[in-house]
PDB file of N, CA and C in Angstrom:
ATOM      1  N   MET A   1     178.466  90.498 105.741  1.00  0.00           N
ATOM      2  CA  MET A   1     177.097  90.708 105.331  1.00  0.00           C
ATOM      3  C   MET A   1     176.198  89.827 106.200  1.00  0.00           C
ATOM      4  N   THR A   2     175.154  90.426 106.748  1.00  0.00           N
ATOM      5  CA  THR A   2     174.208  89.653 107.559  1.00  0.00           C
ATOM      6  C   THR A   2     173.280  88.845 106.657  1.00  0.00           C
ATOM      7  N   ASP A   3     172.549  87.922 107.258  1.00  0.00           N
ATOM      8  CA  ASP A   3     171.579  87.131 106.489  1.00  0.00           C
ATOM      9  C   ASP A   3     170.520  88.041 105.864  1.00  0.00           C
ATOM     10  N   ALA A   4     170.071  89.035 106.606  1.00  0.00           N
ATOM     11  CA  ALA A   4     169.059  89.976 106.092  1.00  0.00           C
ATOM     12  C   ALA A   4     169.613  90.760 104.903  1.00  0.00           C
ATOM     13  N   GLU A   5     170.864  91.211 105.007  1.00  0.00           N
ATOM     14  CA  GLU A   5     171.489  91.936 103.897  1.00  0.00           C
ATOM     15  C   GLU A   5     171.681  91.033 102.682  1.00  0.00           C
ATOM     16  N   ALA A   6     172.025  89.778 102.921  1.00  0.00           N
ATOM     17  CA  ALA A   6     172.191  88.827 101.817  1.00  0.00           C
ATOM     18  C   ALA A   6     170.878  88.633 101.072  1.00  0.00           C
ATOM     19  N   LYS A   7     169.763  88.552 101.781  1.00  0.00           N
ATOM     20  CA  LYS A   7     168.455  88.410 101.140  1.00  0.00           C
ATOM     21  C   LYS A   7     168.123  89.646 100.310  1.00  0.00           C
ATOM     22  N   ILE A   8     168.444  90.809 100.841  1.00  0.00           N
ATOM     23  CA  ILE A   8     168.201  92.052 100.106  1.00  0.00           C
ATOM     24  C   ILE A   8     169.039  92.087  98.838  1.00  0.00           C
ATOM     25  N   MET A   9     170.281  91.673  98.944  1.00  0.00           N
ATOM     26  CA  MET A   9     171.151  91.682  97.760  1.00  0.00           C
ATOM     27  C   MET A   9     170.713  90.639  96.734  1.00  0.00           C
ATOM     28  N   GLN A  10     170.150  89.526  97.187  1.00  0.00           N
ATOM     29  CA  GLN A  10     169.598  88.547  96.248  1.00  0.00           C
ATOM     30  C   GLN A  10     168.412  89.147  95.497  1.00  0.00           C
ATOM     31  N   ALA A  11     167.564  89.880  96.213  1.00  0.00           N
ATOM     32  CA  ALA A  11     166.421  90.553  95.571  1.00  0.00           C
ATOM     33  C   ALA A  11     166.917  91.632  94.611  1.00  0.00           C
ATOM     34  N   HIS A  12     167.953  92.324  94.987  1.00  0.00           N
ATOM     35  CA  HIS A  12     168.581  93.349  94.139  1.00  0.00           C
ATOM     36  C   HIS A  12     169.081  92.717  92.836  1.00  0.00           C
ATOM     37  N   ALA A  13     169.784  91.584  92.929  1.00  0.00           N
ATOM     38  CA  ALA A  13     170.296  90.897  91.743  1.00  0.00           C
ATOM     39  C   ALA A  13     169.150  90.393  90.869  1.00  0.00           C
ATOM     40  N   ALA A  14     168.099  89.877  91.471  1.00  0.00           N
ATOM     41  CA  ALA A  14     166.941  89.402  90.706  1.00  0.00           C
ATOM     42  C   ALA A  14     166.256  90.565  89.988  1.00  0.00           C
ATOM     43  N   TYR A  15     166.180  91.706  90.640  1.00  0.00           N
ATOM     44  CA  TYR A  15     165.592  92.907  90.041  1.00  0.00           C
ATOM     45  C   TYR A  15     166.382  93.298  88.794  1.00  0.00           C
ATOM     46  N   TRP A  16     167.703  93.322  88.912  1.00  0.00           N
ATOM     47  CA  TRP A  16     168.546  93.690  87.775  1.00  0.00           C
ATOM     48  C   TRP A  16     168.526  92.621  86.690  1.00  0.00           C
ATOM     49  N   GLN A  17     168.397  91.353  87.070  1.00  0.00           N
ATOM     50  CA  GLN A  17     168.285  90.284  86.077  1.00  0.00           C
ATOM     51  C   GLN A  17     167.022  90.480  85.237  1.00  0.00           C
ATOM     52  N   GLU A  18     165.933  90.841  85.891  1.00  0.00           N
ATOM     53  CA  GLU A  18     164.683  91.101  85.172  1.00  0.00           C
ATOM     54  C   GLU A  18     164.843  92.292  84.220  1.00  0.00           C
ATOM     55  N   LEU A  19     165.536  93.334  84.676  1.00  0.00           N
ATOM     56  CA  LEU A  19     165.789  94.491  83.804  1.00  0.00           C
ATOM     57  C   LEU A  19     166.626  94.078  82.596  1.00  0.00           C
ATOM     58  N   ALA A  20     167.576  93.165  82.790  1.00  0.00           N
ATOM     59  CA  ALA A  20     168.401  92.682  81.685  1.00  0.00           C
ATOM     60  C   ALA A  20     167.555  91.872  80.701  1.00  0.00           C
ATOM     61  N   GLU A  21     166.680  91.039  81.228  1.00  0.00           N
ATOM     62  CA  GLU A  21     165.830  90.222  80.366  1.00  0.00           C
ATOM     63  C   GLU A  21     164.869  91.074  79.540  1.00  0.00           C
ATOM     64  N   ARG A  22     164.467  92.220  80.080  1.00  0.00           N
ATOM     65  CA  ARG A  22     163.587  93.146  79.342  1.00  0.00           C
ATOM     66  C   ARG A  22     164.368  94.031  78.377  1.00  0.00           C
ATOM     67  N   GLY A  23     165.696  94.010  78.476  1.00  0.00           N
ATOM     68  CA  GLY A  23     166.521  94.836  77.596  1.00  0.00           C
ATOM     69  C   GLY A  23     166.807  96.220  78.137  1.00  0.00           C
ATOM     70  N   THR A  24     166.357  96.510  79.343  1.00  0.00           N
ATOM     71  CA  THR A  24     166.626  97.817  79.955  1.00  0.00           C
ATOM     72  C   THR A  24     168.053  97.888  80.463  1.00  0.00           C
ATOM     73  N   ALA A  25     168.489  96.842  81.170  1.00  0.00           N
ATOM     74  CA  ALA A  25     169.871  96.774  81.646  1.00  0.00           C
ATOM     75  C   ALA A  25     170.707  96.115  80.558  1.00  0.00           C
ATOM     76  N   VAL A  26     171.738  96.816  80.121  1.00  0.00           N
ATOM     77  CA  VAL A  26     172.641  96.282  79.106  1.00  0.00           C
ATOM     78  C   VAL A  26     173.646  95.337  79.754  1.00  0.00           C
ATOM     79  N   VAL A  27     174.171  95.752  80.886  1.00  0.00           N
ATOM     80  CA  VAL A  27     175.128  94.957  81.648  1.00  0.00           C
ATOM     81  C   VAL A  27     175.070  95.439  83.103  1.00  0.00           C
ATOM     82  N   PHE A  28     175.301  94.517  84.024  1.00  0.00           N
ATOM     83  CA  PHE A  28     175.350  94.898  85.434  1.00  0.00           C
ATOM     84  C   PHE A  28     176.158  93.867  86.199  1.00  0.00           C
ATOM     85  N   GLY A  29     176.665  94.257  87.345  1.00  0.00           N
ATOM     86  CA  GLY A  29     177.366  93.315  88.201  1.00  0.00           C
ATOM     87  C   GLY A  29     178.224  94.005  89.239  1.00  0.00           C
ATOM     88  N   PRO A  30     178.722  93.227  90.190  1.00  0.00           N
ATOM     89  CA  PRO A  30     179.583  93.780  91.236  1.00  0.00           C
ATOM     90  C   PRO A  30     180.983  94.082  90.702  1.00  0.00           C
ATOM     91  N   VAL A  31     181.609  95.074  91.306  1.00  0.00           N
ATOM     92  CA  VAL A  31     182.975  95.465  90.957  1.00  0.00           C
ATOM     93  C   VAL A  31     183.854  95.150  92.167  1.00  0.00           C
ATOM     94  N   ALA A  32     184.918  94.403  91.952  1.00  0.00           N
ATOM     95  CA  ALA A  32     185.811  93.982  93.035  1.00  0.00           C
ATOM     96  C   ALA A  32     186.846  95.069  93.307  1.00  0.00           C
ATOM     97  N   ASP A  33     186.394  96.167  93.862  1.00  0.00           N
ATOM     98  CA  ASP A  33     187.262  97.281  94.222  1.00  0.00           C
ATOM     99  C   ASP A  33     187.918  96.964  95.566  1.00  0.00           C
ATOM    100  N   PRO A  34     189.238  97.029  95.666  1.00  0.00           N
ATOM    101  CA  PRO A  34     189.891  96.739  96.948  1.00  0.00           C
ATOM    102  C   PRO A  34     189.469  97.697  98.068  1.00  0.00           C
ATOM    103  N   ASN A  35     188.932  98.836  97.711  1.00  0.00           N
ATOM    104  CA  ASN A  35     188.467  99.797  98.717  1.00  0.00           C
ATOM    105  C   ASN A  35     187.038  99.539  99.159  1.00  0.00           C
ATOM    106  N   GLY A  36     186.380  98.573  98.572  1.00  0.00           N
ATOM    107  CA  GLY A  36     184.998  98.242  98.920  1.00  0.00           C
ATOM    108  C   GLY A  36     184.225  97.861  97.669  1.00  0.00           C
ATOM    109  N   VAL A  37     183.489  96.772  97.758  1.00  0.00           N
ATOM    110  CA  VAL A  37     182.725  96.286  96.606  1.00  0.00           C
ATOM    111  C   VAL A  37     181.555  97.223  96.328  1.00  0.00           C
ATOM    112  N   TRP A  38     181.315  97.457  95.051  1.00  0.00           N
ATOM    113  CA  TRP A  38     180.176  98.248  94.602  1.00  0.00           C
ATOM    114  C   TRP A  38     179.724  97.670  93.276  1.00  0.00           C
ATOM    115  N   GLY A  39     178.576  98.116  92.788  1.00  0.00           N
ATOM    116  CA  GLY A  39     178.049  97.573  91.548  1.00  0.00           C
ATOM    117  C   GLY A  39     178.020  98.605  90.448  1.00  0.00           C
ATOM    118  N   LEU A  40     178.015  98.100  89.222  1.00  0.00           N
ATOM    119  CA  LEU A  40     177.949  98.950  88.038  1.00  0.00           C
ATOM    120  C   LEU A  40     176.821  98.439  87.161  1.00  0.00           C
ATOM    121  N   GLY A  41     176.016  99.344  86.665  1.00  0.00           N
ATOM    122  CA  GLY A  41     174.967  98.977  85.728  1.00  0.00           C
ATOM    123  C   GLY A  41     174.926  99.973  84.586  1.00  0.00           C
ATOM    124  N   ILE A  42     174.772  99.461  83.391  1.00  0.00           N
ATOM    125  CA  ILE A  42     174.589 100.309  82.216  1.00  0.00           C
ATOM    126  C   ILE A  42     173.196 100.012  81.699  1.00  0.00           C
ATOM    127  N   VAL A  43     172.398 101.048  81.552  1.00  0.00           N
ATOM    128  CA  VAL A  43     170.998 100.889  81.172  1.00  0.00           C
ATOM    129  C   VAL A  43     170.651 101.729  79.950  1.00  0.00           C
ATOM    130  N   GLN A  44     169.566 101.325  79.294  1.00  0.00           N
ATOM    131  CA  GLN A  44     168.990 102.102  78.206  1.00  0.00           C
ATOM    132  C   GLN A  44     167.606 102.555  78.659  1.00  0.00           C
ATOM    133  N   VAL A  45     167.428 103.854  78.819  1.00  0.00           N
ATOM    134  CA  VAL A  45     166.138 104.408  79.224  1.00  0.00           C
ATOM    135  C   VAL A  45     165.795 105.586  78.320  1.00  0.00           C
ATOM    136  N   GLU A  46     164.521 105.928  78.307  1.00  0.00           N
ATOM    137  CA  GLU A  46     164.063 107.039  77.475  1.00  0.00           C
ATOM    138  C   GLU A  46     164.497 108.390  78.032  1.00  0.00           C
ATOM    139  N   ASP A  47     164.406 108.542  79.357  1.00  0.00           N
ATOM    140  CA  ASP A  47     164.733 109.834  79.949  1.00  0.00           C
ATOM    141  C   ASP A  47     165.084 109.683  81.428  1.00  0.00           C
ATOM    142  N   GLU A  48     165.422 110.792  82.029  1.00  0.00           N
ATOM    143  CA  GLU A  48     165.842 110.827  83.441  1.00  0.00           C
ATOM    144  C   GLU A  48     164.740 110.321  84.376  1.00  0.00           C
ATOM    145  N   THR A  49     163.487 110.587  84.037  1.00  0.00           N
ATOM    146  CA  THR A  49     162.376 110.127  84.864  1.00  0.00           C
ATOM    147  C   THR A  49     162.352 108.605  84.944  1.00  0.00           C
ATOM    148  N   ASP A  50     162.554 107.934  83.805  1.00  0.00           N
ATOM    149  CA  ASP A  50     162.604 106.469  83.795  1.00  0.00           C
ATOM    150  C   ASP A  50     163.759 105.962  84.644  1.00  0.00           C
ATOM    151  N   LEU A  51     164.886 106.623  84.553  1.00  0.00           N
ATOM    152  CA  LEU A  51     166.061 106.220  85.318  1.00  0.00           C
ATOM    153  C   LEU A  51     165.824 106.394  86.817  1.00  0.00           C
ATOM    154  N   GLN A  52     165.223 107.502  87.194  1.00  0.00           N
ATOM    155  CA  GLN A  52     164.937 107.735  88.618  1.00  0.00           C
ATOM    156  C   GLN A  52     163.983 106.677  89.163  1.00  0.00           C
ATOM    157  N   ALA A  53     162.975 106.304  88.379  1.00  0.00           N
ATOM    158  CA  ALA A  53     162.024 105.275  88.809  1.00  0.00           C
ATOM    159  C   ALA A  53     162.729 103.922  88.938  1.00  0.00           C
ATOM    160  N   LEU A  54     163.588 103.624  87.997  1.00  0.00           N
ATOM    161  CA  LEU A  54     164.317 102.361  88.005  1.00  0.00           C
ATOM    162  C   LEU A  54     165.148 102.227  89.277  1.00  0.00           C
ATOM    163  N   THR A  55     165.880 103.251  89.631  1.00  0.00           N
ATOM    164  CA  THR A  55     166.729 103.181  90.825  1.00  0.00           C
ATOM    165  C   THR A  55     165.899 103.245  92.111  1.00  0.00           C
ATOM    166  N   ALA A  56     164.826 104.023  92.110  1.00  0.00           N
ATOM    167  CA  ALA A  56     163.995 104.154  93.311  1.00  0.00           C
ATOM    168  C   ALA A  56     163.286 102.857  93.670  1.00  0.00           C
ATOM    169  N   ASN A  57     163.017 102.006  92.687  1.00  0.00           N
ATOM    170  CA  ASN A  57     162.296 100.757  92.917  1.00  0.00           C
ATOM    171  C   ASN A  57     163.210  99.560  93.177  1.00  0.00           C
ATOM    172  N   ASP A  58     164.499  99.768  93.203  1.00  0.00           N
ATOM    173  CA  ASP A  58     165.455  98.696  93.461  1.00  0.00           C
ATOM    174  C   ASP A  58     165.294  98.238  94.917  1.00  0.00           C
ATOM    175  N   PRO A  59     165.139  96.924  95.143  1.00  0.00           N
ATOM    176  CA  PRO A  59     165.008  96.435  96.522  1.00  0.00           C
ATOM    177  C   PRO A  59     166.152  96.839  97.446  1.00  0.00           C
ATOM    178  N   ALA A  60     167.338  97.033  96.906  1.00  0.00           N
ATOM    179  CA  ALA A  60     168.459  97.469  97.744  1.00  0.00           C
ATOM    180  C   ALA A  60     168.246  98.898  98.234  1.00  0.00           C
ATOM    181  N   VAL A  61     167.472  99.674  97.509  1.00  0.00           N
ATOM    182  CA  VAL A  61     167.151 101.048  97.917  1.00  0.00           C
ATOM    183  C   VAL A  61     165.919 101.055  98.815  1.00  0.00           C
ATOM    184  N   THR A  62     164.869 100.356  98.389  1.00  0.00           N
ATOM    185  CA  THR A  62     163.618 100.372  99.154  1.00  0.00           C
ATOM    186  C   THR A  62     163.753  99.707 100.518  1.00  0.00           C
ATOM    187  N   SER A  63     164.774  98.858 100.693  1.00  0.00           N
ATOM    188  CA  SER A  63     164.987  98.168 101.970  1.00  0.00           C
ATOM    189  C   SER A  63     165.436  99.102 103.077  1.00  0.00           C
ATOM    190  N   GLY A  64     166.039 100.228 102.693  1.00  0.00           N
ATOM    191  CA  GLY A  64     166.511 101.176 103.692  1.00  0.00           C
ATOM    192  C   GLY A  64     167.856 100.826 104.310  1.00  0.00           C
ATOM    193  N   ILE A  65     168.639  99.962 103.662  1.00  0.00           N
ATOM    194  CA  ILE A  65     169.942  99.583 104.238  1.00  0.00           C
ATOM    195  C   ILE A  65     171.038 100.593 103.923  1.00  0.00           C
ATOM    196  N   GLY A  66     170.689 101.660 103.230  1.00  0.00           N
ATOM    197  CA  GLY A  66     171.674 102.704 102.964  1.00  0.00           C
ATOM    198  C   GLY A  66     172.299 102.648 101.584  1.00  0.00           C
ATOM    199  N   THR A  67     171.738 101.836 100.704  1.00  0.00           N
ATOM    200  CA  THR A  67     172.256 101.760  99.340  1.00  0.00           C
ATOM    201  C   THR A  67     171.893 103.029  98.582  1.00  0.00           C
ATOM    202  N   ARG A  68     172.811 103.465  97.738  1.00  0.00           N
ATOM    203  CA  ARG A  68     172.541 104.666  96.943  1.00  0.00           C
ATOM    204  C   ARG A  68     173.110 104.476  95.544  1.00  0.00           C
ATOM    205  N   TYR A  69     172.643 105.296  94.655  1.00  0.00           N
ATOM    206  CA  TYR A  69     173.119 105.289  93.277  1.00  0.00           C
ATOM    207  C   TYR A  69     173.843 106.580  92.968  1.00  0.00           C
ATOM    208  N   GLU A  70     174.844 106.491  92.147  1.00  0.00           N
ATOM    209  CA  GLU A  70     175.452 107.648  91.493  1.00  0.00           C
ATOM    210  C   GLU A  70     175.135 107.464  90.022  1.00  0.00           C
ATOM    211  N   ILE A  71     174.460 108.439  89.439  1.00  0.00           N
ATOM    212  CA  ILE A  71     174.022 108.329  88.054  1.00  0.00           C
ATOM    213  C   ILE A  71     174.840 109.285  87.200  1.00  0.00           C
ATOM    214  N   LEU A  72     175.507 108.713  86.219  1.00  0.00           N
ATOM    215  CA  LEU A  72     176.343 109.501  85.320  1.00  0.00           C
ATOM    216  C   LEU A  72     176.004 109.126  83.884  1.00  0.00           C
ATOM    217  N   PRO A  73     175.803 110.110  83.026  1.00  0.00           N
ATOM    218  CA  PRO A  73     175.502 109.781  81.628  1.00  0.00           C
ATOM    219  C   PRO A  73     176.747 109.310  80.895  1.00  0.00           C
ATOM    220  N   MET A  74     176.556 108.384  79.985  1.00  0.00           N
ATOM    221  CA  MET A  74     177.642 107.940  79.118  1.00  0.00           C
ATOM    222  C   MET A  74     177.467 108.702  77.807  1.00  0.00           C
ATOM    223  N   VAL A  75     178.429 109.515  77.484  1.00  0.00           N
ATOM    224  CA  VAL A  75     178.343 110.375  76.315  1.00  0.00           C
ATOM    225  C   VAL A  75     178.424 109.572  75.021  1.00  0.00           C
ATOM    226  N   ARG A  76     179.255 108.559  75.034  1.00  0.00           N
ATOM    227  CA  ARG A  76     179.480 107.751  73.840  1.00  0.00           C
ATOM    228  C   ARG A  76     179.899 106.356  74.277  1.00  0.00           C
ATOM    229  N   ALA A  77     179.519 105.361  73.504  1.00  0.00           N
ATOM    230  CA  ALA A  77     179.914 103.987  73.815  1.00  0.00           C
ATOM    231  C   ALA A  77     180.510 103.334  72.575  1.00  0.00           C
ATOM    232  N   VAL A  78     181.560 102.596  72.788  1.00  0.00           N
ATOM    233  CA  VAL A  78     182.171 101.805  71.724  1.00  0.00           C
ATOM    234  C   VAL A  78     181.946 100.344  72.092  1.00  0.00           C
ATOM    235  N   ILE A  79     181.366  99.590  71.183  1.00  0.00           N
ATOM    236  CA  ILE A  79     181.061  98.188  71.433  1.00  0.00           C
ATOM    237  C   ILE A  79     181.928  97.342  70.518  1.00  0.00           C
ATOM    238  N   GLY A  80     182.686  96.456  71.122  1.00  0.00           N
ATOM    239  CA  GLY A  80     183.582  95.588  70.351  1.00  0.00           C
ATOM    240  C   GLY A  80     182.851  94.377  69.794  1.00  0.00           C
ATOM    241  N   LYS A  81     183.530  93.665  68.937  1.00  0.00           N
ATOM    242  CA  LYS A  81     182.993  92.433  68.372  1.00  0.00           C
ATOM    243  C   LYS A  81     182.973  91.349  69.433  1.00  0.00           C
ATOM    244  N   LYS A  82     182.012  90.450  69.322  1.00  0.00           N
ATOM    245  CA  LYS A  82     181.946  89.308  70.218  1.00  0.00           C
ATOM    246  C   LYS A  82     183.066  88.335  69.865  1.00  0.00           C
ATOM    247  N   ARG A  83     183.780  87.882  70.882  1.00  0.00           N
ATOM    248  CA  ARG A  83     184.851  86.912  70.661  1.00  0.00           C
ATOM    249  C   ARG A  83     184.257  85.523  70.494  1.00  0.00           C
ATOM    250  N   THR A  84     184.887  84.720  69.686  1.00  0.00           N
ATOM    251  CA  THR A  84     184.414  83.340  69.534  1.00  0.00           C
ATOM    252  C   THR A  84     185.421  82.358  70.071  1.00  0.00           C
TER     253      THR A  84
END
């Protein structure tokens, strides 16, 4: 990763942190896939338009470095108890 790419990814992480603080992002983070690192985010939005705006405004997308999103709906979620 170049220094310029690292700065973009820092802005990307800050963007998602802000979404988490607002309650839009439920969880997000990098995935250590041996075939190449990628990120996963689970969000709560009202509709597809909100989701498209959210991804379009991500600094990793607006920077033009070739980042893209794959958007898939989650049909159902099971949430476990918090461990103590």
